[in-house]
PDB file of N, CA and C in Angstrom:
ATOM      1  N   UNK A   1      -5.455  12.534  -2.544  1.00  0.00           N
ATOM      2  CA  UNK A   1      -5.985  11.721  -1.457  1.00  0.00           C
ATOM      3  C   UNK A   1      -5.067  11.868  -0.255  1.00  0.00           C
ATOM      4  N   UNK A   2      -5.633  12.251   0.866  1.00  0.00           N
ATOM      5  CA  UNK A   2      -4.877  12.321   2.117  1.00  0.00           C
ATOM      6  C   UNK A   2      -5.119  11.039   2.891  1.00  0.00           C
ATOM      7  N   UNK A   3      -4.049  10.511   3.467  1.00  0.00           N
ATOM      8  CA  UNK A   3      -4.141   9.305   4.283  1.00  0.00           C
ATOM      9  C   UNK A   3      -3.446   9.588   5.608  1.00  0.00           C
ATOM     10  N   UNK A   4      -4.172   9.383   6.704  1.00  0.00           N
ATOM     11  CA  UNK A   4      -3.590   9.539   8.036  1.00  0.00           C
ATOM     12  C   UNK A   4      -3.769   8.223   8.776  1.00  0.00           C
ATOM     13  N   UNK A   5      -2.684   7.727   9.348  1.00  0.00           N
ATOM     14  CA  UNK A   5      -2.751   6.483  10.101  1.00  0.00           C
ATOM     15  C   UNK A   5      -2.297   6.764  11.523  1.00  0.00           C
ATOM     16  N   UNK A   6      -3.066   6.262  12.461  1.00  0.00           N
ATOM     17  CA  UNK A   6      -2.729   6.470  13.872  1.00  0.00           C
ATOM     18  C   UNK A   6      -3.038   5.208  14.660  1.00  0.00           C
ATOM     19  N   UNK A   7      -2.339   5.060  15.774  1.00  0.00           N
ATOM     20  CA  UNK A   7      -2.618   3.940  16.657  1.00  0.00           C
ATOM     21  C   UNK A   7      -3.719   4.366  17.614  1.00  0.00           C
ATOM     22  N   UNK A   8      -4.776   3.565  17.692  1.00  0.00           N
ATOM     23  CA  UNK A   8      -5.924   3.895  18.537  1.00  0.00           C
ATOM     24  C   UNK A   8      -5.830   3.170  19.864  1.00  0.00           C
ATOM     25  N   UNK A   9      -5.490   1.895  19.789  1.00  0.00           N
ATOM     26  CA  UNK A   9      -5.308   1.045  20.960  1.00  0.00           C
ATOM     27  C   UNK A   9      -4.152   0.103  20.647  1.00  0.00           C
ATOM     28  N   UNK A  10      -3.750  -0.676  21.630  1.00  0.00           N
ATOM     29  CA  UNK A  10      -2.720  -1.677  21.372  1.00  0.00           C
ATOM     30  C   UNK A  10      -3.229  -2.614  20.285  1.00  0.00           C
ATOM     31  N   UNK A  11      -2.448  -2.805  19.261  1.00  0.00           N
ATOM     32  CA  UNK A  11      -2.759  -3.675  18.122  1.00  0.00           C
ATOM     33  C   UNK A  11      -3.908  -3.174  17.247  1.00  0.00           C
ATOM     34  N   UNK A  12      -4.358  -1.932  17.436  1.00  0.00           N
ATOM     35  CA  UNK A  12      -5.425  -1.382  16.587  1.00  0.00           C
ATOM     36  C   UNK A  12      -4.928  -0.100  15.945  1.00  0.00           C
ATOM     37  N   UNK A  13      -4.918  -0.081  14.611  1.00  0.00           N
ATOM     38  CA  UNK A  13      -4.552   1.128  13.873  1.00  0.00           C
ATOM     39  C   UNK A  13      -5.782   1.634  13.135  1.00  0.00           C
ATOM     40  N   UNK A  14      -5.903   2.943  13.079  1.00  0.00           N
ATOM     41  CA  UNK A  14      -7.006   3.576  12.361  1.00  0.00           C
ATOM     42  C   UNK A  14      -6.427   4.353  11.189  1.00  0.00           C
ATOM     43  N   UNK A  15      -7.091   4.248  10.052  1.00  0.00           N
ATOM     44  CA  UNK A  15      -6.695   4.999   8.861  1.00  0.00           C
ATOM     45  C   UNK A  15      -7.848   5.910   8.484  1.00  0.00           C
ATOM     46  N   UNK A  16      -7.538   7.169   8.223  1.00  0.00           N
ATOM     47  CA  UNK A  16      -8.527   8.143   7.776  1.00  0.00           C
ATOM     48  C   UNK A  16      -8.168   8.545   6.357  1.00  0.00           C
ATOM     49  N   UNK A  17      -9.114   8.404   5.454  1.00  0.00           N
ATOM     50  CA  UNK A  17      -8.918   8.802   4.063  1.00  0.00           C
ATOM     51  C   UNK A  17      -9.725  10.053   3.795  1.00  0.00           C
ATOM     52  N   UNK A  18      -9.149  10.942   2.989  1.00  0.00           N
ATOM     53  CA  UNK A  18      -9.846  12.179   2.633  1.00  0.00           C
ATOM     54  C   UNK A  18      -9.677  12.429   1.144  1.00  0.00           C
ATOM     55  N   UNK A  19     -10.794  12.486   0.426  1.00  0.00           N
ATOM     56  CA  UNK A  19     -10.774  12.706  -1.010  1.00  0.00           C
ATOM     57  C   UNK A  19     -11.457  11.566  -1.740  1.00  0.00           C
ATOM     58  N   UNK A  20     -11.336  11.562  -3.047  1.00  0.00           N
ATOM     59  CA  UNK A  20     -11.935  10.502  -3.858  1.00  0.00           C
ATOM     60  C   UNK A  20     -11.008   9.293  -3.904  1.00  0.00           C
ATOM     61  N   UNK A  21     -11.580   8.131  -3.766  1.00  0.00           N
ATOM     62  CA  UNK A  21     -10.807   6.893  -3.820  1.00  0.00           C
ATOM     63  C   UNK A  21     -11.094   6.246  -5.173  1.00  0.00           C
ATOM     64  N   UNK A  22     -10.228   6.579  -6.134  1.00  0.00           N
ATOM     65  CA  UNK A  22     -10.471   6.161  -7.511  1.00  0.00           C
ATOM     66  C   UNK A  22      -9.184   5.644  -8.154  1.00  0.00           C
ATOM     67  N   UNK A  23      -9.238   5.448  -9.450  1.00  0.00           N
ATOM     68  CA  UNK A  23      -8.108   4.922 -10.217  1.00  0.00           C
ATOM     69  C   UNK A  23      -6.821   5.711  -9.969  1.00  0.00           C
ATOM     70  N   UNK A  24      -6.946   7.029  -9.806  1.00  0.00           N
ATOM     71  CA  UNK A  24      -5.756   7.880  -9.635  1.00  0.00           C
ATOM     72  C   UNK A  24      -5.174   7.807  -8.231  1.00  0.00           C
ATOM     73  N   UNK A  25      -6.036   7.687  -7.228  1.00  0.00           N
ATOM     74  CA  UNK A  25      -5.548   7.705  -5.852  1.00  0.00           C
ATOM     75  C   UNK A  25      -5.338   6.321  -5.251  1.00  0.00           C
ATOM     76  N   UNK A  26      -5.916   5.281  -5.857  1.00  0.00           N
ATOM     77  CA  UNK A  26      -5.826   3.951  -5.245  1.00  0.00           C
ATOM     78  C   UNK A  26      -4.391   3.420  -5.108  1.00  0.00           C
ATOM     79  N   UNK A  27      -3.445   3.718  -6.030  1.00  0.00           N
ATOM     80  CA  UNK A  27      -2.070   3.236  -5.799  1.00  0.00           C
ATOM     81  C   UNK A  27      -1.458   3.778  -4.504  1.00  0.00           C
ATOM     82  N   UNK A  28      -1.711   5.047  -4.198  1.00  0.00           N
ATOM     83  CA  UNK A  28      -1.190   5.643  -2.964  1.00  0.00           C
ATOM     84  C   UNK A  28      -1.828   4.974  -1.743  1.00  0.00           C
ATOM     85  N   UNK A  29      -3.138   4.790  -1.799  1.00  0.00           N
ATOM     86  CA  UNK A  29      -3.854   4.149  -0.698  1.00  0.00           C
ATOM     87  C   UNK A  29      -3.380   2.710  -0.539  1.00  0.00           C
ATOM     88  N   UNK A  30      -3.236   2.001  -1.639  1.00  0.00           N
ATOM     89  CA  UNK A  30      -2.767   0.611  -1.620  1.00  0.00           C
ATOM     90  C   UNK A  30      -1.379   0.540  -0.958  1.00  0.00           C
ATOM     91  N   UNK A  31      -0.516   1.483  -1.279  1.00  0.00           N
ATOM     92  CA  UNK A  31       0.825   1.508  -0.703  1.00  0.00           C
ATOM     93  C   UNK A  31       0.773   1.689   0.814  1.00  0.00           C
ATOM     94  N   UNK A  32      -0.052   2.617   1.280  1.00  0.00           N
ATOM     95  CA  UNK A  32      -0.176   2.862   2.723  1.00  0.00           C
ATOM     96  C   UNK A  32      -0.746   1.643   3.445  1.00  0.00           C
ATOM     97  N   UNK A  33      -1.767   1.040   2.859  1.00  0.00           N
ATOM     98  CA  UNK A  33      -2.390  -0.125   3.490  1.00  0.00           C
ATOM     99  C   UNK A  33      -1.480  -1.342   3.436  1.00  0.00           C
ATOM    100  N   UNK A  34      -0.658  -1.442   2.387  1.00  0.00           N
ATOM    101  CA  UNK A  34       0.302  -2.549   2.286  1.00  0.00           C
ATOM    102  C   UNK A  34       1.304  -2.511   3.426  1.00  0.00           C
ATOM    103  N   UNK A  35       1.699  -1.315   3.832  1.00  0.00           N
ATOM    104  CA  UNK A  35       2.633  -1.190   4.958  1.00  0.00           C
ATOM    105  C   UNK A  35       2.027  -1.805   6.217  1.00  0.00           C
ATOM    106  N   UNK A  36       0.734  -1.551   6.434  1.00  0.00           N
ATOM    107  CA  UNK A  36       0.064  -2.109   7.610  1.00  0.00           C
ATOM    108  C   UNK A  36      -0.019  -3.639   7.505  1.00  0.00           C
ATOM    109  N   UNK A  37      -0.354  -4.120   6.322  1.00  0.00           N
ATOM    110  CA  UNK A  37      -0.450  -5.573   6.120  1.00  0.00           C
ATOM    111  C   UNK A  37       0.925  -6.227   6.211  1.00  0.00           C
ATOM    112  N   UNK A  38       1.950  -5.570   5.670  1.00  0.00           N
ATOM    113  CA  UNK A  38       3.314  -6.115   5.732  1.00  0.00           C
ATOM    114  C   UNK A  38       3.775  -6.289   7.176  1.00  0.00           C
ATOM    115  N   UNK A  39       3.373  -5.357   8.036  1.00  0.00           N
ATOM    116  CA  UNK A  39       3.753  -5.444   9.451  1.00  0.00           C
ATOM    117  C   UNK A  39       2.772  -6.311  10.238  1.00  0.00           C
ATOM    118  N   UNK A  40       1.823  -6.905   9.527  1.00  0.00           N
ATOM    119  CA  UNK A  40       0.810  -7.782  10.101  1.00  0.00           C
ATOM    120  C   UNK A  40       0.064  -7.135  11.265  1.00  0.00           C
ATOM    121  N   UNK A  41      -0.368  -5.895  11.027  1.00  0.00           N
ATOM    122  CA  UNK A  41      -1.204  -5.192  11.999  1.00  0.00           C
ATOM    123  C   UNK A  41      -2.454  -6.034  12.225  1.00  0.00           C
ATOM    124  N   UNK A  42      -2.712  -6.376  13.476  1.00  0.00           N
ATOM    125  CA  UNK A  42      -3.796  -7.310  13.798  1.00  0.00           C
ATOM    126  C   UNK A  42      -5.187  -6.737  13.525  1.00  0.00           C
ATOM    127  N   UNK A  43      -5.380  -5.461  13.847  1.00  0.00           N
ATOM    128  CA  UNK A  43      -6.717  -4.874  13.730  1.00  0.00           C
ATOM    129  C   UNK A  43      -6.613  -3.502  13.071  1.00  0.00           C
ATOM    130  N   UNK A  44      -7.345  -3.333  11.991  1.00  0.00           N
ATOM    131  CA  UNK A  44      -7.344  -2.064  11.264  1.00  0.00           C
ATOM    132  C   UNK A  44      -8.788  -1.588  11.125  1.00  0.00           C
ATOM    133  N   UNK A  45      -9.011  -0.334  11.491  1.00  0.00           N
ATOM    134  CA  UNK A  45     -10.315   0.282  11.259  1.00  0.00           C
ATOM    135  C   UNK A  45     -10.078   1.453  10.306  1.00  0.00           C
ATOM    136  N   UNK A  46     -10.965   1.590   9.326  1.00  0.00           N
ATOM    137  CA  UNK A  46     -10.771   2.608   8.296  1.00  0.00           C
ATOM    138  C   UNK A  46     -11.952   3.561   8.277  1.00  0.00           C
ATOM    139  N   UNK A  47     -11.658   4.836   8.479  1.00  0.00           N
ATOM    140  CA  UNK A  47     -12.657   5.901   8.515  1.00  0.00           C
ATOM    141  C   UNK A  47     -12.850   6.471   7.112  1.00  0.00           C
ATOM    142  N   UNK A  48     -14.061   6.363   6.597  1.00  0.00           N
ATOM    143  CA  UNK A  48     -14.350   6.820   5.236  1.00  0.00           C
ATOM    144  C   UNK A  48     -15.283   8.030   5.206  1.00  0.00           C
ATOM    145  N   UNK A  49     -15.403   8.745   6.329  1.00  0.00           N
ATOM    146  CA  UNK A  49     -16.355   9.861   6.371  1.00  0.00           C
ATOM    147  C   UNK A  49     -15.989  10.991   5.410  1.00  0.00           C
ATOM    148  N   UNK A  50     -14.722  11.114   5.046  1.00  0.00           N
ATOM    149  CA  UNK A  50     -14.304  12.195   4.147  1.00  0.00           C
ATOM    150  C   UNK A  50     -14.054  11.705   2.728  1.00  0.00           C
ATOM    151  N   UNK A  51     -14.569  10.505   2.420  1.00  0.00           N
ATOM    152  CA  UNK A  51     -14.485   9.957   1.064  1.00  0.00           C
ATOM    153  C   UNK A  51     -15.874  10.083   0.445  1.00  0.00           C
ATOM    154  N   UNK A  52     -15.981  10.906  -0.580  1.00  0.00           N
ATOM    155  CA  UNK A  52     -17.290  11.119  -1.192  1.00  0.00           C
ATOM    156  C   UNK A  52     -17.514  10.253  -2.418  1.00  0.00           C
ATOM    157  N   UNK A  53     -16.434   9.655  -2.948  1.00  0.00           N
ATOM    158  CA  UNK A  53     -16.542   8.860  -4.164  1.00  0.00           C
ATOM    159  C   UNK A  53     -15.564   7.698  -4.112  1.00  0.00           C
ATOM    160  N   UNK A  54     -16.030   6.522  -4.537  1.00  0.00           N
ATOM    161  CA  UNK A  54     -15.155   5.353  -4.641  1.00  0.00           C
ATOM    162  C   UNK A  54     -15.524   4.615  -5.926  1.00  0.00           C
ATOM    163  N   UNK A  55     -14.512   4.137  -6.641  1.00  0.00           N
ATOM    164  CA  UNK A  55     -14.781   3.354  -7.861  1.00  0.00           C
ATOM    165  C   UNK A  55     -14.260   1.929  -7.650  1.00  0.00           C
ATOM    166  N   UNK A  56     -14.284   1.142  -8.714  1.00  0.00           N
ATOM    167  CA  UNK A  56     -13.910  -0.268  -8.605  1.00  0.00           C
ATOM    168  C   UNK A  56     -12.456  -0.459  -8.176  1.00  0.00           C
ATOM    169  N   UNK A  57     -11.569   0.438  -8.558  1.00  0.00           N
ATOM    170  CA  UNK A  57     -10.174   0.290  -8.131  1.00  0.00           C
ATOM    171  C   UNK A  57     -10.040   0.568  -6.637  1.00  0.00           C
ATOM    172  N   UNK A  58     -10.855   1.467  -6.125  1.00  0.00           N
ATOM    173  CA  UNK A  58     -10.884   1.708  -4.679  1.00  0.00           C
ATOM    174  C   UNK A  58     -11.401   0.489  -3.938  1.00  0.00           C
ATOM    175  N   UNK A  59     -12.468  -0.107  -4.456  1.00  0.00           N
ATOM    176  CA  UNK A  59     -13.006  -1.329  -3.853  1.00  0.00           C
ATOM    177  C   UNK A  59     -11.954  -2.436  -3.877  1.00  0.00           C
ATOM    178  N   UNK A  60     -11.257  -2.567  -5.002  1.00  0.00           N
ATOM    179  CA  UNK A  60     -10.234  -3.607  -5.144  1.00  0.00           C
ATOM    180  C   UNK A  60      -9.131  -3.438  -4.100  1.00  0.00           C
ATOM    181  N   UNK A  61      -8.801  -2.217  -3.769  1.00  0.00           N
ATOM    182  CA  UNK A  61      -7.786  -1.941  -2.755  1.00  0.00           C
ATOM    183  C   UNK A  61      -8.201  -2.537  -1.414  1.00  0.00           C
ATOM    184  N   UNK A  62      -9.468  -2.348  -1.054  1.00  0.00           N
ATOM    185  CA  UNK A  62      -9.960  -2.896   0.212  1.00  0.00           C
ATOM    186  C   UNK A  62     -10.058  -4.417   0.166  1.00  0.00           C
ATOM    187  N   UNK A  63     -10.449  -4.970  -0.971  1.00  0.00           N
ATOM    188  CA  UNK A  63     -10.538  -6.424  -1.110  1.00  0.00           C
ATOM    189  C   UNK A  63      -9.146  -7.040  -0.946  1.00  0.00           C
ATOM    190  N   UNK A  64      -8.136  -6.424  -1.557  1.00  0.00           N
ATOM    191  CA  UNK A  64      -6.753  -6.900  -1.411  1.00  0.00           C
ATOM    192  C   UNK A  64      -6.320  -6.904   0.044  1.00  0.00           C
ATOM    193  N   UNK A  65      -6.574  -5.783   0.731  1.00  0.00           N
ATOM    194  CA  UNK A  65      -6.190  -5.683   2.140  1.00  0.00           C
ATOM    195  C   UNK A  65      -6.921  -6.746   2.951  1.00  0.00           C
ATOM    196  N   UNK A  66      -8.210  -6.896   2.717  1.00  0.00           N
ATOM    197  CA  UNK A  66      -9.010  -7.889   3.425  1.00  0.00           C
ATOM    198  C   UNK A  66      -8.421  -9.287   3.254  1.00  0.00           C
ATOM    199  N   UNK A  67      -8.073  -9.650   2.017  1.00  0.00           N
ATOM    200  CA  UNK A  67      -7.522 -10.975   1.743  1.00  0.00           C
ATOM    201  C   UNK A  67      -6.171 -11.185   2.417  1.00  0.00           C
ATOM    202  N   UNK A  68      -5.327 -10.159   2.362  1.00  0.00           N
ATOM    203  CA  UNK A  68      -4.005 -10.268   3.005  1.00  0.00           C
ATOM    204  C   UNK A  68      -4.143 -10.433   4.513  1.00  0.00           C
ATOM    205  N   UNK A  69      -5.045  -9.646   5.104  1.00  0.00           N
ATOM    206  CA  UNK A  69      -5.236  -9.705   6.555  1.00  0.00           C
ATOM    207  C   UNK A  69      -5.835 -11.041   6.982  1.00  0.00           C
ATOM    208  N   UNK A  70      -6.697 -11.575   6.159  1.00  0.00           N
ATOM    209  CA  UNK A  70      -7.337 -12.852   6.468  1.00  0.00           C
ATOM    210  C   UNK A  70      -6.292 -13.958   6.582  1.00  0.00           C
ATOM    211  N   UNK A  71      -5.244 -13.879   5.754  1.00  0.00           N
ATOM    212  CA  UNK A  71      -4.183 -14.890   5.763  1.00  0.00           C
ATOM    213  C   UNK A  71      -3.441 -14.949   7.093  1.00  0.00           C
ATOM    214  N   UNK A  72      -3.300 -13.782   7.758  1.00  0.00           N
ATOM    215  CA  UNK A  72      -2.585 -13.800   9.042  1.00  0.00           C
ATOM    216  C   UNK A  72      -3.516 -13.604  10.241  1.00  0.00           C
ATOM    217  N   UNK A  73      -4.821 -13.706  10.013  1.00  0.00           N
ATOM    218  CA  UNK A  73      -5.775 -13.631  11.123  1.00  0.00           C
ATOM    219  C   UNK A  73      -6.103 -12.232  11.579  1.00  0.00           C
ATOM    220  N   UNK A  74      -5.886 -11.247  10.718  1.00  0.00           N
ATOM    221  CA  UNK A  74      -6.196  -9.867  11.065  1.00  0.00           C
ATOM    222  C   UNK A  74      -7.677  -9.557  10.918  1.00  0.00           C
ATOM    223  N   UNK A  75      -8.078  -8.434  11.498  1.00  0.00           N
ATOM    224  CA  UNK A  75      -9.467  -7.992  11.434  1.00  0.00           C
ATOM    225  C   UNK A  75      -9.534  -6.603  10.817  1.00  0.00           C
ATOM    226  N   UNK A  76     -10.541  -6.401   9.969  1.00  0.00           N
ATOM    227  CA  UNK A  76     -10.717  -5.131   9.259  1.00  0.00           C
ATOM    228  C   UNK A  76     -12.162  -4.680   9.391  1.00  0.00           C
ATOM    229  N   UNK A  77     -12.343  -3.401   9.759  1.00  0.00           N
ATOM    230  CA  UNK A  77     -13.677  -2.805   9.822  1.00  0.00           C
ATOM    231  C   UNK A  77     -13.618  -1.441   9.139  1.00  0.00           C
ATOM    232  N   UNK A  78     -14.578  -1.176   8.282  1.00  0.00           N
ATOM    233  CA  UNK A  78     -14.726   0.126   7.642  1.00  0.00           C
ATOM    234  C   UNK A  78     -15.852   0.855   8.356  1.00  0.00           C
ATOM    235  N   UNK A  79     -15.674   2.165   8.593  1.00  0.00           N
ATOM    236  CA  UNK A  79     -16.730   2.889   9.296  1.00  0.00           C
ATOM    237  C   UNK A  79     -16.909   4.300   8.757  1.00  0.00           C
ATOM    238  N   UNK A  80     -18.023   4.901   9.176  1.00  0.00           N
ATOM    239  CA  UNK A  80     -18.392   6.262   8.747  1.00  0.00           C
ATOM    240  C   UNK A  80     -18.530   6.376   7.230  1.00  0.00           C
ATOM    241  N   UNK A  81     -19.103   5.375   6.579  1.00  0.00           N
ATOM    242  CA  UNK A  81     -19.285   5.442   5.127  1.00  0.00           C
ATOM    243  C   UNK A  81     -20.375   6.454   4.792  1.00  0.00           C
ATOM    244  N   UNK A  82     -20.100   7.316   3.826  1.00  0.00           N
ATOM    245  CA  UNK A  82     -21.142   8.221   3.341  1.00  0.00           C
ATOM    246  C   UNK A  82     -22.180   7.384   2.596  1.00  0.00           C
ATOM    247  N   UNK A  83     -23.349   7.936   2.377  1.00  0.00           N
ATOM    248  CA  UNK A  83     -24.394   7.169   1.695  1.00  0.00           C
ATOM    249  C   UNK A  83     -23.954   6.731   0.302  1.00  0.00           C
ATOM    250  N   UNK A  84     -23.251   7.613  -0.418  1.00  0.00           N
ATOM    251  CA  UNK A  84     -22.783   7.277  -1.755  1.00  0.00           C
ATOM    252  C   UNK A  84     -21.792   6.134  -1.756  1.00  0.00           C
ATOM    253  N   UNK A  85     -20.857   6.163  -0.827  1.00  0.00           N
ATOM    254  CA  UNK A  85     -19.851   5.106  -0.722  1.00  0.00           C
ATOM    255  C   UNK A  85     -20.512   3.801  -0.271  1.00  0.00           C
ATOM    256  N   UNK A  86     -21.411   3.892   0.682  1.00  0.00           N
ATOM    257  CA  UNK A  86     -22.126   2.694   1.153  1.00  0.00           C
ATOM    258  C   UNK A  86     -22.903   2.050   0.001  1.00  0.00           C
ATOM    259  N   UNK A  87     -23.509   2.873  -0.834  1.00  0.00           N
ATOM    260  CA  UNK A  87     -24.275   2.364  -1.981  1.00  0.00           C
ATOM    261  C   UNK A  87     -23.393   1.556  -2.927  1.00  0.00           C
ATOM    262  N   UNK A  88     -22.167   2.031  -3.155  1.00  0.00           N
ATOM    263  CA  UNK A  88     -21.242   1.314  -4.032  1.00  0.00           C
ATOM    264  C   UNK A  88     -20.915  -0.060  -3.437  1.00  0.00           C
ATOM    265  N   UNK A  89     -20.684  -0.114  -2.128  1.00  0.00           N
ATOM    266  CA  UNK A  89     -20.429  -1.395  -1.468  1.00  0.00           C
ATOM    267  C   UNK A  89     -21.640  -2.319  -1.597  1.00  0.00           C
ATOM    268  N   UNK A  90     -22.837  -1.761  -1.445  1.00  0.00           N
ATOM    269  CA  UNK A  90     -24.056  -2.562  -1.548  1.00  0.00           C
ATOM    270  C   UNK A  90     -24.276  -3.073  -2.971  1.00  0.00           C
ATOM    271  N   UNK A  91     -24.073  -2.216  -3.966  1.00  0.00           N
ATOM    272  CA  UNK A  91     -24.249  -2.617  -5.363  1.00  0.00           C
ATOM    273  C   UNK A  91     -23.282  -3.744  -5.723  1.00  0.00           C
ATOM    274  N   UNK A  92     -22.056  -3.646  -5.217  1.00  0.00           N
ATOM    275  CA  UNK A  92     -21.035  -4.669  -5.491  1.00  0.00           C
ATOM    276  C   UNK A  92     -21.196  -5.894  -4.573  1.00  0.00           C
ATOM    277  N   UNK A  93     -22.198  -5.850  -3.703  1.00  0.00           N
ATOM    278  CA  UNK A  93     -22.468  -6.940  -2.745  1.00  0.00           C
ATOM    279  C   UNK A  93     -21.320  -7.139  -1.757  1.00  0.00           C
ATOM    280  N   UNK A  94     -20.516  -6.103  -1.559  1.00  0.00           N
ATOM    281  CA  UNK A  94     -19.399  -6.203  -0.624  1.00  0.00           C
ATOM    282  C   UNK A  94     -19.799  -5.849   0.807  1.00  0.00           C
ATOM    283  N   UNK A  95     -21.021  -5.343   0.977  1.00  0.00           N
ATOM    284  CA  UNK A  95     -21.493  -5.060   2.328  1.00  0.00           C
ATOM    285  C   UNK A  95     -21.696  -6.351   3.122  1.00  0.00           C
ATOM    286  N   UNK A  96     -21.775  -7.484   2.414  1.00  0.00           N
ATOM    287  CA  UNK A  96     -21.901  -8.775   3.097  1.00  0.00           C
ATOM    288  C   UNK A  96     -20.530  -9.404   3.363  1.00  0.00           C
ATOM    289  N   UNK A  97     -19.480  -8.846   2.763  1.00  0.00           N
ATOM    290  CA  UNK A  97     -18.118  -9.357   2.953  1.00  0.00           C
ATOM    291  C   UNK A  97     -17.402  -8.572   4.050  1.00  0.00           C
ATOM    292  N   UNK A  98     -17.503  -7.258   3.979  1.00  0.00           N
ATOM    293  CA  UNK A  98     -16.829  -6.382   4.939  1.00  0.00           C
ATOM    294  C   UNK A  98     -17.715  -6.107   6.138  1.00  0.00           C
ATOM    295  N   UNK A  99     -17.064  -5.891   7.263  1.00  0.00           N
ATOM    296  CA  UNK A  99     -17.806  -5.407   8.438  1.00  0.00           C
ATOM    297  C   UNK A  99     -17.835  -3.891   8.332  1.00  0.00           C
ATOM    298  N   UNK A 100     -19.041  -3.331   8.328  1.00  0.00           N
ATOM    299  CA  UNK A 100     -19.238  -1.901   8.208  1.00  0.00           C
ATOM    300  C   UNK A 100     -19.850  -1.383   9.502  1.00  0.00           C
ATOM    301  N   UNK A 101     -19.287  -0.288  10.002  1.00  0.00           N
ATOM    302  CA  UNK A 101     -19.774   0.279  11.257  1.00  0.00           C
ATOM    303  C   UNK A 101     -20.153   1.740  11.042  1.00  0.00           C
ATOM    304  N   UNK A 102     -21.011   2.239  11.906  1.00  0.00           N
ATOM    305  CA  UNK A 102     -21.476   3.616  11.803  1.00  0.00           C
ATOM    306  C   UNK A 102     -20.552   4.632  12.448  1.00  0.00           C
ATOM    307  N   UNK A 103     -19.735   4.179  13.412  1.00  0.00           N
ATOM    308  CA  UNK A 103     -18.871   5.110  14.141  1.00  0.00           C
ATOM    309  C   UNK A 103     -17.564   4.422  14.523  1.00  0.00           C
ATOM    310  N   UNK A 104     -16.603   5.234  14.965  1.00  0.00           N
ATOM    311  CA  UNK A 104     -15.316   4.677  15.408  1.00  0.00           C
ATOM    312  C   UNK A 104     -15.527   3.785  16.623  1.00  0.00           C
ATOM    313  N   UNK A 105     -16.395   4.206  17.524  1.00  0.00           N
ATOM    314  CA  UNK A 105     -16.664   3.414  18.723  1.00  0.00           C
ATOM    315  C   UNK A 105     -17.225   2.042  18.360  1.00  0.00           C
ATOM    316  N   UNK A 106     -18.160   2.027  17.409  1.00  0.00           N
ATOM    317  CA  UNK A 106     -18.734   0.755  16.955  1.00  0.00           C
ATOM    318  C   UNK A 106     -17.668  -0.104  16.279  1.00  0.00           C
ATOM    319  N   UNK A 107     -16.820   0.526  15.465  1.00  0.00           N
ATOM    320  CA  UNK A 107     -15.737  -0.202  14.777  1.00  0.00           C
ATOM    321  C   UNK A 107     -14.804  -0.826  15.805  1.00  0.00           C
ATOM    322  N   UNK A 108     -14.453  -0.080  16.840  1.00  0.00           N
ATOM    323  CA  UNK A 108     -13.574  -0.605  17.888  1.00  0.00           C
ATOM    324  C   UNK A 108     -14.216  -1.778  18.620  1.00  0.00           C
ATOM    325  N   UNK A 109     -15.512  -1.696  18.845  1.00  0.00           N
ATOM    326  CA  UNK A 109     -16.185  -2.797  19.549  1.00  0.00           C
ATOM    327  C   UNK A 109     -16.220  -4.060  18.673  1.00  0.00           C
ATOM    328  N   UNK A 110     -16.228  -3.903  17.345  1.00  0.00           N
ATOM    329  CA  UNK A 110     -16.238  -5.048  16.454  1.00  0.00           C
ATOM    330  C   UNK A 110     -14.880  -5.761  16.386  1.00  0.00           C
ATOM    331  N   UNK A 111     -13.796  -5.045  16.659  1.00  0.00           N
ATOM    332  CA  UNK A 111     -12.464  -5.669  16.604  1.00  0.00           C
ATOM    333  C   UNK A 111     -11.926  -6.024  17.997  1.00  0.00           C
ATOM    334  N   UNK A 112     -12.664  -5.698  19.030  1.00  0.00           N
ATOM    335  CA  UNK A 112     -12.184  -5.981  20.397  1.00  0.00           C
ATOM    336  C   UNK A 112     -12.493  -7.392  20.831  1.00  0.00           C
TER     337      UNK A 112
END
């Protein structure tokens, strides 16, 4: 799993994941996202266009980040979900918990 984090705007960081987000890769992803939460990054947008598969441990990683960010008033938006990944969020009923956007521009408008 490749993880790239960049600053998009003041107080907005974007994370791009590439590969499968599963039991094997979720510890690495969790570690990277924990760094952002530890520094209390106010706004995080996560690009999932290069993630073709996600399992329950991948979902749990996002739920953890969401809960941590909620405690300090942070905002989280996931965007560019492939149909397969979006389906997993819908089946788990997490599409009603997370803000999901179609593009980076839309994600930025949701956290602005």
